[in-house]
Amino acid sequence: MVFSQLKFYPQNVDPMKLLKATLFVLIACCLISAKYSAPESTRKADKKPNIVYVLVDQWRAQAFGFAGDPNAHTPTLDRLAAQSLNVRNAVSGMPVCSPHRASLLTGQYPLTHGVFMNDVLLDTTATTLGKVYRDNGYATGFIGKWHVDGHGRRSYIPPTRQQGFDYWKVLECTHNYNHSEYYEGASPQRKVWDGYDVTEQTDDAIQYIKKQSTQEAPFVLFISMGAPHDPYQTAPEKYRKMFENKEIILRDNVPADKREQAITSLRGYYAHMAAIDDNVNKLWQTLKDTGIEENTMLVFTADHGDLLGSHGWWNKQQPYDESIRVPFLLHYPKALGTTGKTSTTLLNTPDIMPTLLSLSGIAIPKTVEGTDFSKVFLGKKKDTVQETLISCVQPFGQWTRKRGGKEYRGIVTDRYTYTRDLNGPWQLFDNQKDPYQLNNLVGKADYASLQADLDKRLARVLKTRKDEFRPGLEYVKQWNYVIDDTETVPYNKVNYEGKPIVE
């Protein structure tokens, strides 16, 4: 039977038009029905990826079992590396806390966003990773150390300065891991984590993940841990005991007069790391238990490294590998599988934001200066980046000019590290032949052509970045920063018991 044969059908209506309209309605109903009746697994497959980003403080790239460190106890992270993309040439382009975090959040270089020292404010109108993800339908969360607010390390950070993160349990900066303070949401009431903050922050993150795993919207969560940054001897006793009698094997570049101090420091450093490793295990297991591991990017990385006696120094800022090289593990089964892969990509801090956004299917803002390596990581594009920028605009803190600190600009390639200070070429290391960077090749006749080539490449990078490489104090004046007699931005200084420091 056709529509023209139906006796009730109005004579003034075109049967074919009604047939088309009916079919259109039926198809639309089917599509709507399919959307809401599709299996949960199908709906999750179409969902944008979640991100769980673990950012630790001062963990150098060399300090893992998978990286060959005989001292490290990192079974979870070793297993994670075996199931992830391991970016072994990741560098912290300005290896210090606030500059790294500002570049991570904006995808910009320090001379653009202006955070080239600790304890200064990142522009509240900046286009940040948190804002971009939130504007694209993501739930956003941040737990732990912030360090881009510039209003004092214990001061309240209102929502207008939270850079797009809605779930918020944060303190600007503390390394008192057993009496660790934080602010929650929009409340100005200062709270304290109940115990060792690495564990407490992880447990809080786990509750957030469990809740968000039941929601339609994807989420991005940062867990920013203060450890293993010094003070080294404050991990829970369980972990300190693991290393108190263990033989510590030092790197070849630790001078004899620093060995005893280095061994003591490293015992505590590795204890913090073992604690973090256990907590990463809990996070990872939560992703599995909630069924979202497949479509979640689990990132483990650090803001910079720690010299820990190498070359006779501690902490960061300097262009040695122990300072600038950082771990970067990207576990994303849906796109990368679970077979371990190693990437030689020169991933710099500003490159992280555009790469994550692109992997999430989100357009990269025009304000971003970093390189999108997503297609390189996915094997869809050849890596053409041959060098990346490292710099110190203004030495401060542990590395002031009085202590031998200096401004520098340099490049890292897949083999070499080359730097200039304000007086000219400073260091050139062949990291393949000289992995402990003990033989400075600057000025040696046999390497003159190599030095000249690297110098030209550095000049090109600086030109691209519009970096005039001026004395640091000129940039301090340009950005109207107030510094003390150590050329450091002053902040509300307290010791690890929360009492004022008298200097």
Protein backbone atom coordinates (compact mmCIF):
# COMPACT_ATOMS: atom_id res chain seq x y z
CA MET A 1 0.00 0.00 0.00
CA VAL A 2 1.22 3.48 -0.85
CA PHE A 3 0.25 6.79 0.70
CA SER A 4 -1.91 7.81 -2.30
CA GLN A 5 -4.21 4.87 -1.55
CA LEU A 6 -4.94 5.89 2.04
CA LYS A 7 -8.54 7.19 2.22
CA PHE A 8 -7.88 9.44 5.28
CA TYR A 9 -5.01 11.22 3.56
CA PRO A 10 -5.79 14.93 2.81
CA GLN A 11 -6.24 15.44 -0.90
CA ASN A 12 -4.38 18.79 -0.96
CA VAL A 13 -1.08 17.39 0.44
CA ASP A 14 1.68 16.06 -1.79
CA PRO A 15 2.18 12.40 -0.74
CA MET A 16 5.91 12.39 -1.61
CA LYS A 17 6.57 15.47 0.51
CA LEU A 18 4.84 13.84 3.46
CA LEU A 19 6.81 10.65 2.90
CA LYS A 20 10.10 12.58 2.99
CA ALA A 21 9.06 14.47 6.09
CA THR A 22 8.05 11.26 7.83
CA LEU A 23 11.34 9.60 6.96
CA PHE A 24 13.26 12.65 8.25
CA VAL A 25 11.42 12.48 11.59
CA LEU A 26 12.01 8.73 11.88
CA ILE A 27 15.76 9.10 11.18
CA ALA A 28 16.06 11.95 13.69
CA CYS A 29 14.29 9.88 16.33
CA CYS A 30 16.62 6.96 15.65
CA LEU A 31 19.70 9.16 16.01
CA ILE A 32 18.46 10.65 19.27
CA SER A 33 17.54 7.23 20.56
CA ALA A 34 20.95 5.85 19.60
CA LYS A 35 22.69 8.66 21.43
CA TYR A 36 20.89 8.03 24.69
CA SER A 37 20.60 4.27 24.45
CA ALA A 38 24.17 3.58 23.27
CA PRO A 39 26.19 1.45 25.64
CA GLU A 40 28.19 3.34 28.26
CA SER A 41 31.41 2.03 26.69
CA THR A 42 30.48 3.62 23.35
CA ARG A 43 29.73 6.99 24.92
CA LYS A 44 33.02 6.88 26.83
CA ALA A 45 34.88 6.07 23.61
CA ASP A 46 33.68 9.34 22.08
CA LYS A 47 34.61 11.36 25.15
CA LYS A 48 37.59 13.69 25.08
CA PRO A 49 40.54 12.37 27.09
CA ASN A 50 40.97 13.13 30.77
CA ILE A 51 44.33 14.34 32.05
CA VAL A 52 45.98 13.49 35.37
CA TYR A 53 49.18 15.53 35.51
CA VAL A 54 51.64 14.70 38.29
CA LEU A 55 54.17 17.50 38.69
CA VAL A 56 56.90 16.95 41.28
CA ASP A 57 59.51 19.43 42.44
CA GLN A 58 63.22 19.02 41.73
CA TRP A 59 63.29 15.39 40.47
CA ARG A 60 66.15 15.05 38.01
CA ALA A 61 65.73 12.82 34.97
CA GLN A 62 68.59 10.51 35.93
CA ALA A 63 67.07 9.38 39.26
CA PHE A 64 64.96 6.34 38.28
CA GLY A 65 65.51 2.65 38.06
CA PHE A 66 64.53 2.74 34.39
CA ALA A 67 67.12 5.48 33.83
CA GLY A 68 69.88 3.34 35.33
CA ASP A 69 70.17 4.89 38.80
CA PRO A 70 71.29 2.07 41.13
CA ASN A 71 70.08 3.96 44.20
CA ALA A 72 66.50 4.71 43.17
CA HIS A 73 63.55 2.63 44.35
CA THR A 74 60.92 3.46 41.73
CA PRO A 75 59.10 0.23 40.81
CA THR A 76 55.83 1.93 39.87
CA LEU A 77 57.47 4.55 37.70
CA ASP A 78 59.70 1.92 36.11
CA ARG A 79 56.56 -0.05 35.23
CA LEU A 80 54.84 3.12 34.03
CA ALA A 81 57.80 3.92 31.77
CA ALA A 82 57.53 0.43 30.28
CA GLN A 83 53.93 1.18 29.30
CA SER A 84 54.28 4.82 28.28
CA LEU A 85 55.98 7.26 25.96
CA ASN A 86 59.25 8.21 27.66
CA VAL A 87 60.45 11.59 26.37
CA ARG A 88 64.09 11.19 27.35
CA ASN A 89 65.19 14.61 26.03
CA ALA A 90 62.64 16.64 28.00
CA VAL A 91 64.23 19.78 29.43
CA SER A 92 63.20 22.55 31.76
CA GLY A 93 64.15 25.55 29.63
CA MET A 94 64.48 27.81 32.65
CA PRO A 95 65.18 25.32 35.45
CA VAL A 96 63.55 26.99 38.42
CA CYS A 97 60.11 26.65 40.03
CA SER A 98 58.02 29.68 39.07
CA PRO A 99 59.33 30.12 35.50
CA HIS A 100 58.62 26.45 34.70
CA ARG A 101 55.10 26.64 36.08
CA ALA A 102 54.28 29.86 34.26
CA SER A 103 55.54 28.42 30.96
CA LEU A 104 53.59 25.21 31.58
CA LEU A 105 50.40 27.16 32.17
CA THR A 106 50.78 29.57 29.23
CA GLY A 107 52.85 27.76 26.61
CA GLN A 108 55.07 30.85 26.51
CA TYR A 109 58.75 31.55 27.16
CA PRO A 110 59.70 33.44 30.35
CA LEU A 111 60.58 36.72 28.66
CA THR A 112 57.04 36.77 27.23
CA HIS A 113 55.03 36.01 30.37
CA GLY A 114 57.60 37.75 32.58
CA VAL A 115 57.96 35.08 35.26
CA PHE A 116 61.73 34.61 35.02
CA MET A 117 62.25 34.60 38.80
CA ASN A 118 60.52 32.91 41.70
CA ASP A 119 57.79 34.64 43.71
CA VAL A 120 56.35 36.97 41.08
CA LEU A 121 52.79 37.07 39.75
CA LEU A 122 51.68 35.47 36.50
CA ASP A 123 49.35 37.90 34.72
CA THR A 124 45.78 37.08 35.80
CA THR A 125 44.52 37.87 32.27
CA ALA A 126 46.87 35.36 30.65
CA THR A 127 45.45 32.63 28.43
CA THR A 128 46.24 29.58 30.53
CA LEU A 129 45.88 25.85 30.24
CA GLY A 130 43.24 25.81 32.98
CA LYS A 131 41.12 28.45 31.27
CA VAL A 132 41.34 26.81 27.86
CA TYR A 133 40.32 23.39 29.13
CA ARG A 134 37.49 24.88 31.20
CA ASP A 135 36.22 26.85 28.18
CA ASN A 136 36.17 23.59 26.22
CA GLY A 137 33.88 21.80 28.64
CA TYR A 138 36.43 20.25 31.01
CA ALA A 139 36.20 20.10 34.77
CA THR A 140 39.47 21.56 36.04
CA GLY A 141 41.34 20.88 39.28
CA PHE A 142 44.61 21.79 40.95
CA ILE A 143 46.02 20.30 44.16
CA GLY A 144 49.30 21.23 45.86
CA LYS A 145 52.05 23.73 45.13
CA TRP A 146 51.16 26.72 42.89
CA HIS A 147 54.07 29.21 43.02
CA VAL A 148 52.98 31.74 40.38
CA ASP A 149 50.92 34.09 42.57
CA GLY A 150 53.63 36.42 43.85
CA HIS A 151 51.74 37.58 46.95
CA GLY A 152 53.74 35.65 49.55
CA ARG A 153 54.15 31.94 49.98
CA ARG A 154 51.41 31.51 52.61
CA SER A 155 48.93 34.09 51.31
CA TYR A 156 45.36 33.40 50.23
CA ILE A 157 44.88 33.12 46.47
CA PRO A 158 41.37 34.27 45.45
CA PRO A 159 39.48 32.74 42.49
CA THR A 160 40.42 35.72 40.32
CA ARG A 161 44.03 34.49 40.49
CA GLN A 162 43.36 30.74 40.16
CA GLN A 163 43.89 30.78 36.38
CA GLY A 164 40.86 28.69 35.37
CA PHE A 165 40.99 25.88 37.93
CA ASP A 166 37.68 25.26 39.69
CA TYR A 167 38.59 22.49 42.12
CA TRP A 168 41.27 24.12 44.25
CA LYS A 169 43.31 22.87 47.23
CA VAL A 170 46.48 24.91 46.93
CA LEU A 171 49.22 26.81 48.70
CA GLU A 172 51.61 29.13 46.90
CA CYS A 173 54.68 27.31 48.24
CA THR A 174 55.76 25.20 51.18
CA HIS A 175 58.32 22.49 51.75
CA ASN A 176 57.13 21.63 55.24
CA TYR A 177 55.71 18.34 54.05
CA ASN A 178 54.47 17.20 57.46
CA HIS A 179 52.66 20.43 58.34
CA SER A 180 51.59 21.48 54.87
CA GLU A 181 49.05 24.27 54.56
CA TYR A 182 46.54 24.96 51.80
CA TYR A 183 43.46 26.97 50.86
CA GLU A 184 40.32 25.37 49.50
CA GLY A 185 38.20 26.94 46.78
CA ALA A 186 37.26 30.54 47.49
CA SER A 187 37.73 30.27 51.26
CA PRO A 188 40.42 32.46 52.88
CA GLN A 189 40.70 29.99 55.77
CA ARG A 190 44.11 28.35 55.83
CA LYS A 191 43.92 24.59 56.36
CA VAL A 192 46.53 21.89 56.99
CA TRP A 193 46.86 18.48 55.33
CA ASP A 194 46.52 15.79 58.02
CA GLY A 195 49.89 14.10 57.42
CA TYR A 196 52.70 13.84 54.87
CA ASP A 197 51.30 16.00 52.11
CA VAL A 198 52.34 13.75 49.21
CA THR A 199 50.05 11.05 50.58
CA GLU A 200 47.24 13.40 51.61
CA GLN A 201 47.20 15.22 48.29
CA THR A 202 47.20 11.92 46.41
CA ASP A 203 44.27 10.62 48.45
CA ASP A 204 42.36 13.82 47.74
CA ALA A 205 43.13 13.48 44.05
CA ILE A 206 41.85 9.91 44.10
CA GLN A 207 38.50 11.05 45.50
CA TYR A 208 38.29 13.72 42.80
CA ILE A 209 39.07 11.17 40.07
CA LYS A 210 36.46 8.74 41.39
CA LYS A 211 33.80 11.44 41.35
CA GLN A 212 34.72 12.79 37.92
CA SER A 213 34.84 9.30 36.42
CA THR A 214 31.05 9.14 36.78
CA GLN A 215 30.44 12.46 35.03
CA GLU A 216 29.83 13.15 31.35
CA ALA A 217 32.39 15.96 31.16
CA PRO A 218 36.10 15.11 30.87
CA PHE A 219 38.48 16.50 33.47
CA VAL A 220 42.03 17.76 33.85
CA LEU A 221 43.65 17.47 37.27
CA PHE A 222 47.08 18.68 38.36
CA ILE A 223 48.69 17.14 41.45
CA SER A 224 51.66 19.40 42.20
CA MET A 225 53.89 17.85 44.88
CA GLY A 226 56.57 19.76 46.75
CA ALA A 227 58.82 16.71 47.23
CA PRO A 228 61.51 15.54 46.59
CA HIS A 229 62.77 19.14 46.92
CA ASP A 230 64.82 19.70 50.07
CA PRO A 231 64.56 19.44 53.07
CA TYR A 232 65.57 15.91 52.14
CA GLN A 233 65.26 14.20 55.52
CA THR A 234 61.51 14.66 56.09
CA ALA A 235 59.89 11.73 54.27
CA PRO A 236 57.93 9.29 56.47
CA GLU A 237 60.14 7.02 58.56
CA LYS A 238 59.11 3.96 56.54
CA TYR A 239 60.85 5.40 53.49
CA ARG A 240 63.83 6.92 55.27
CA LYS A 241 64.66 3.52 56.74
CA MET A 242 64.89 2.07 53.22
CA PHE A 243 68.00 4.17 52.58
CA GLU A 244 69.61 4.80 55.97
CA ASN A 245 72.06 1.88 55.62
CA LYS A 246 72.05 1.53 51.86
CA GLU A 247 75.26 2.15 49.93
CA ILE A 248 74.77 5.29 47.83
CA ILE A 249 76.60 5.34 44.52
CA LEU A 250 77.45 8.90 43.50
CA ARG A 251 77.62 10.32 40.00
CA ASP A 252 81.14 10.70 38.65
CA ASN A 253 80.89 14.50 38.65
CA VAL A 254 80.53 14.88 42.44
CA PRO A 255 83.88 16.23 43.73
CA ALA A 256 85.57 14.52 46.66
CA ASP A 257 84.94 17.36 49.12
CA LYS A 258 81.18 17.18 48.48
CA ARG A 259 80.75 13.42 48.65
CA GLU A 260 79.76 13.09 52.31
CA GLN A 261 77.18 15.87 52.08
CA ALA A 262 75.87 14.44 48.80
CA ILE A 263 75.38 10.97 50.30
CA THR A 264 73.45 12.39 53.26
CA SER A 265 71.26 14.50 50.98
CA LEU A 266 70.64 11.65 48.56
CA ARG A 267 69.43 9.28 51.28
CA GLY A 268 66.58 11.67 51.98
CA TYR A 269 66.04 12.54 48.33
CA TYR A 270 65.50 8.90 47.40
CA ALA A 271 63.22 8.41 50.42
CA HIS A 272 60.88 11.14 49.15
CA MET A 273 61.01 9.55 45.71
CA ALA A 274 60.05 6.13 47.06
CA ALA A 275 57.07 7.72 48.81
CA ILE A 276 56.00 9.48 45.62
CA ASP A 277 56.37 6.24 43.68
CA ASP A 278 53.95 4.46 46.03
CA ASN A 279 51.42 7.27 45.64
CA VAL A 280 51.67 7.25 41.85
CA ASN A 281 50.82 3.56 42.10
CA LYS A 282 47.59 4.46 43.94
CA LEU A 283 46.68 7.08 41.33
CA TRP A 284 47.33 4.72 38.46
CA GLN A 285 45.32 1.95 40.11
CA THR A 286 42.41 4.35 40.56
CA LEU A 287 42.35 5.02 36.82
CA LYS A 288 42.13 1.26 36.27
CA ASP A 289 39.50 0.68 38.95
CA THR A 290 37.24 3.43 37.61
CA GLY A 291 37.55 2.19 34.04
CA ILE A 292 39.01 5.41 32.66
CA GLU A 293 42.67 4.47 32.21
CA GLU A 294 42.28 3.85 28.47
CA ASN A 295 41.11 7.39 27.76
CA THR A 296 43.20 9.26 30.32
CA MET A 297 46.56 10.92 29.81
CA LEU A 298 48.60 10.19 32.92
CA VAL A 299 51.67 12.43 32.89
CA PHE A 300 54.58 12.23 35.31
CA THR A 301 57.14 15.03 35.16
CA ALA A 302 59.09 17.60 37.20
CA ASP A 303 59.63 21.35 37.10
CA HIS A 304 63.44 20.96 37.08
CA GLY A 305 66.18 18.75 38.46
CA ASP A 306 68.61 18.94 41.38
CA LEU A 307 72.40 18.98 41.18
CA LEU A 308 72.84 17.30 44.60
CA GLY A 309 76.60 17.74 44.64
CA SER A 310 77.24 17.30 40.93
CA HIS A 311 79.85 19.84 39.83
CA GLY A 312 79.99 20.88 43.49
CA TRP A 313 76.52 22.46 43.49
CA TRP A 314 73.03 21.84 44.87
CA ASN A 315 69.56 22.69 43.59
CA LYS A 316 68.94 24.16 40.11
CA GLN A 317 69.19 27.16 37.72
CA GLN A 318 72.45 25.98 36.17
CA PRO A 319 72.69 24.48 32.65
CA TYR A 320 74.08 21.11 33.73
CA ASP A 321 72.03 18.01 32.90
CA GLU A 322 71.20 17.27 36.55
CA SER A 323 69.46 20.66 36.66
CA ILE A 324 67.79 20.98 33.25
CA ARG A 325 66.85 17.39 32.37
CA VAL A 326 63.45 16.27 33.67
CA PRO A 327 61.39 13.10 33.40
CA PHE A 328 58.38 13.16 31.10
CA LEU A 329 56.27 10.02 30.95
CA LEU A 330 53.03 10.12 28.94
CA HIS A 331 50.72 7.16 29.52
CA TYR A 332 47.75 7.30 27.13
CA PRO A 333 46.64 3.79 26.14
CA LYS A 334 43.90 4.86 23.72
CA ALA A 335 46.31 6.76 21.47
CA LEU A 336 49.73 5.32 22.33
CA GLY A 337 49.00 1.78 23.46
CA THR A 338 50.70 0.22 26.46
CA THR A 339 53.97 -0.80 24.85
CA GLY A 340 56.84 1.34 26.10
CA LYS A 341 58.24 3.79 23.57
CA THR A 342 61.16 6.19 23.79
CA SER A 343 61.08 9.59 22.13
CA THR A 344 64.17 11.71 21.45
CA THR A 345 62.02 14.82 20.98
CA LEU A 346 63.50 17.94 22.55
CA LEU A 347 60.41 18.74 24.60
CA ASN A 348 60.73 22.11 26.34
CA THR A 349 58.38 23.51 28.97
CA PRO A 350 56.40 25.81 26.59
CA ASP A 351 55.76 22.81 24.31
CA ILE A 352 53.70 20.94 26.90
CA MET A 353 50.52 23.04 26.72
CA PRO A 354 50.09 22.93 22.91
CA THR A 355 50.92 19.22 22.81
CA LEU A 356 48.34 18.35 25.47
CA LEU A 357 45.69 20.56 23.89
CA SER A 358 46.21 19.01 20.48
CA LEU A 359 46.07 15.49 21.92
CA SER A 360 42.76 16.55 23.48
CA GLY A 361 41.35 17.78 20.17
CA ILE A 362 41.36 21.41 21.33
CA ALA A 363 42.55 24.35 19.22
CA ILE A 364 45.82 25.92 20.34
CA PRO A 365 45.49 29.63 21.28
CA LYS A 366 47.49 32.13 19.25
CA THR A 367 49.22 33.29 22.45
CA VAL A 368 51.10 29.99 22.68
CA GLU A 369 54.76 30.01 21.60
CA GLY A 370 55.63 26.36 22.20
CA THR A 371 55.71 23.59 19.61
CA ASP A 372 52.90 21.06 19.25
CA PHE A 373 54.54 17.63 19.28
CA SER A 374 51.31 15.63 19.31
CA LYS A 375 51.68 14.26 15.77
CA VAL A 376 55.32 13.40 16.44
CA PHE A 377 54.31 11.46 19.55
CA LEU A 378 51.54 9.69 17.61
CA GLY A 379 53.97 8.73 14.83
CA LYS A 380 52.13 10.82 12.23
CA LYS A 381 54.85 13.41 11.65
CA LYS A 382 58.63 13.53 11.53
CA ASP A 383 60.36 15.49 14.29
CA THR A 384 62.25 18.42 12.73
CA VAL A 385 63.22 20.32 15.89
CA GLN A 386 67.01 20.13 16.26
CA GLU A 387 67.68 22.40 19.23
CA THR A 388 65.80 23.94 22.14
CA LEU A 389 66.49 26.99 24.31
CA ILE A 390 67.75 27.00 27.91
CA SER A 391 68.33 30.19 29.86
CA CYS A 392 68.81 32.04 33.11
CA VAL A 393 67.60 35.64 32.86
CA GLN A 394 68.37 36.66 36.43
CA PRO A 395 70.35 34.44 38.85
CA PHE A 396 68.97 34.50 42.40
CA GLY A 397 68.50 32.51 45.60
CA GLN A 398 71.04 29.67 45.87
CA TRP A 399 72.83 30.91 42.74
CA THR A 400 73.26 34.66 43.17
CA ARG A 401 76.12 36.50 41.54
CA LYS A 402 77.91 36.57 44.89
CA ARG A 403 77.82 32.76 44.82
CA GLY A 404 78.99 32.49 41.23
CA GLY A 405 75.62 32.77 39.48
CA LYS A 406 75.39 34.32 36.04
CA GLU A 407 72.99 35.02 33.22
CA TYR A 408 73.21 32.60 30.30
CA ARG A 409 71.51 31.52 27.11
CA GLY A 410 72.08 28.16 25.48
CA ILE A 411 70.75 25.37 23.34
CA VAL A 412 70.40 21.65 23.88
CA THR A 413 70.53 19.28 20.91
CA ASP A 414 70.21 15.51 20.82
CA ARG A 415 73.95 15.37 21.58
CA TYR A 416 75.34 18.72 22.77
CA THR A 417 74.74 21.40 25.37
CA TYR A 418 76.10 24.82 24.43
CA THR A 419 75.83 28.03 26.48
CA ARG A 420 76.99 31.63 26.39
CA ASP A 421 77.20 34.06 29.28
CA LEU A 422 77.35 37.84 28.91
CA ASN A 423 81.09 37.62 28.17
CA GLY A 424 80.80 35.09 25.34
CA PRO A 425 80.95 31.28 24.91
CA TRP A 426 80.85 29.59 28.31
CA GLN A 427 80.27 25.82 28.10
CA LEU A 428 80.14 23.13 25.41
CA PHE A 429 79.60 19.50 26.31
CA ASP A 430 79.41 16.41 24.15
CA ASN A 431 76.79 14.55 26.18
CA GLN A 432 77.31 11.36 24.23
CA LYS A 433 81.04 11.03 24.86
CA ASP A 434 80.99 12.92 28.15
CA PRO A 435 77.69 12.09 29.94
CA TYR A 436 78.84 13.65 33.23
CA GLN A 437 79.83 16.91 31.50
CA LEU A 438 83.35 17.00 32.89
CA ASN A 439 85.14 18.19 29.74
CA ASN A 440 84.25 21.72 28.62
CA LEU A 441 85.08 21.98 24.90
CA VAL A 442 84.77 25.77 24.57
CA GLY A 443 87.89 27.27 23.02
CA LYS A 444 89.46 23.95 22.04
CA ALA A 445 90.87 24.02 18.52
CA ASP A 446 89.54 20.59 17.53
CA TYR A 447 85.98 21.74 18.27
CA ALA A 448 86.14 25.25 16.81
CA SER A 449 83.85 24.50 13.87
CA LEU A 450 81.33 22.73 16.11
CA GLN A 451 81.34 25.65 18.54
CA ALA A 452 80.83 28.12 15.69
CA ASP A 453 77.91 26.09 14.32
CA LEU A 454 76.21 25.83 17.70
CA ASP A 455 76.76 29.53 18.30
CA LYS A 456 75.00 30.37 15.01
CA ARG A 457 72.13 28.07 15.92
CA LEU A 458 71.79 29.73 19.31
CA ALA A 459 71.77 33.15 17.65
CA ARG A 460 68.92 32.02 15.37
CA VAL A 461 66.90 30.77 18.31
CA LEU A 462 67.40 34.03 20.21
CA LYS A 463 66.37 36.02 17.15
CA THR A 464 63.21 33.95 16.83
CA ARG A 465 62.44 34.50 20.51
CA LYS A 466 63.28 38.24 20.22
CA ASP A 467 65.67 37.73 23.11
CA GLU A 468 68.35 40.43 23.19
CA PHE A 469 70.23 38.68 26.03
CA ARG A 470 70.69 41.75 28.20
CA PRO A 471 71.90 41.84 31.83
CA GLY A 472 69.33 40.38 34.18
CA LEU A 473 68.87 43.53 36.20
CA GLU A 474 67.63 45.32 33.09
CA TYR A 475 64.78 42.80 32.82
CA VAL A 476 64.08 43.16 36.54
CA LYS A 477 63.71 46.92 36.01
CA GLN A 478 61.64 46.42 32.85
CA TRP A 479 59.11 44.29 34.75
CA ASN A 480 59.19 46.55 37.84
CA TYR A 481 60.20 43.74 40.20
CA VAL A 482 61.46 44.60 43.66
CA ILE A 483 64.52 42.64 44.75
CA ASP A 484 66.58 42.56 47.94
CA ASP A 485 70.33 42.81 48.39
CA THR A 486 70.74 39.22 47.16
CA GLU A 487 68.97 40.22 43.93
CA THR A 488 66.07 37.94 44.89
CA VAL A 489 62.37 38.84 45.03
CA PRO A 490 61.54 38.92 48.76
CA TYR A 491 58.65 36.80 50.02
CA ASN A 492 57.08 35.95 53.35
CA LYS A 493 59.93 33.83 54.64
CA VAL A 494 59.18 31.16 57.22
CA ASN A 495 61.16 28.13 58.28
CA TYR A 496 59.86 24.59 57.99
CA GLU A 497 58.07 24.92 61.36
CA GLY A 498 56.19 27.98 60.13
CA LYS A 499 58.21 30.45 62.21
CA PRO A 500 59.63 33.68 60.73
CA ILE A 501 63.21 33.53 59.50
CA VAL A 502 65.55 36.14 60.94
CA GLU A 503 68.46 36.85 58.61
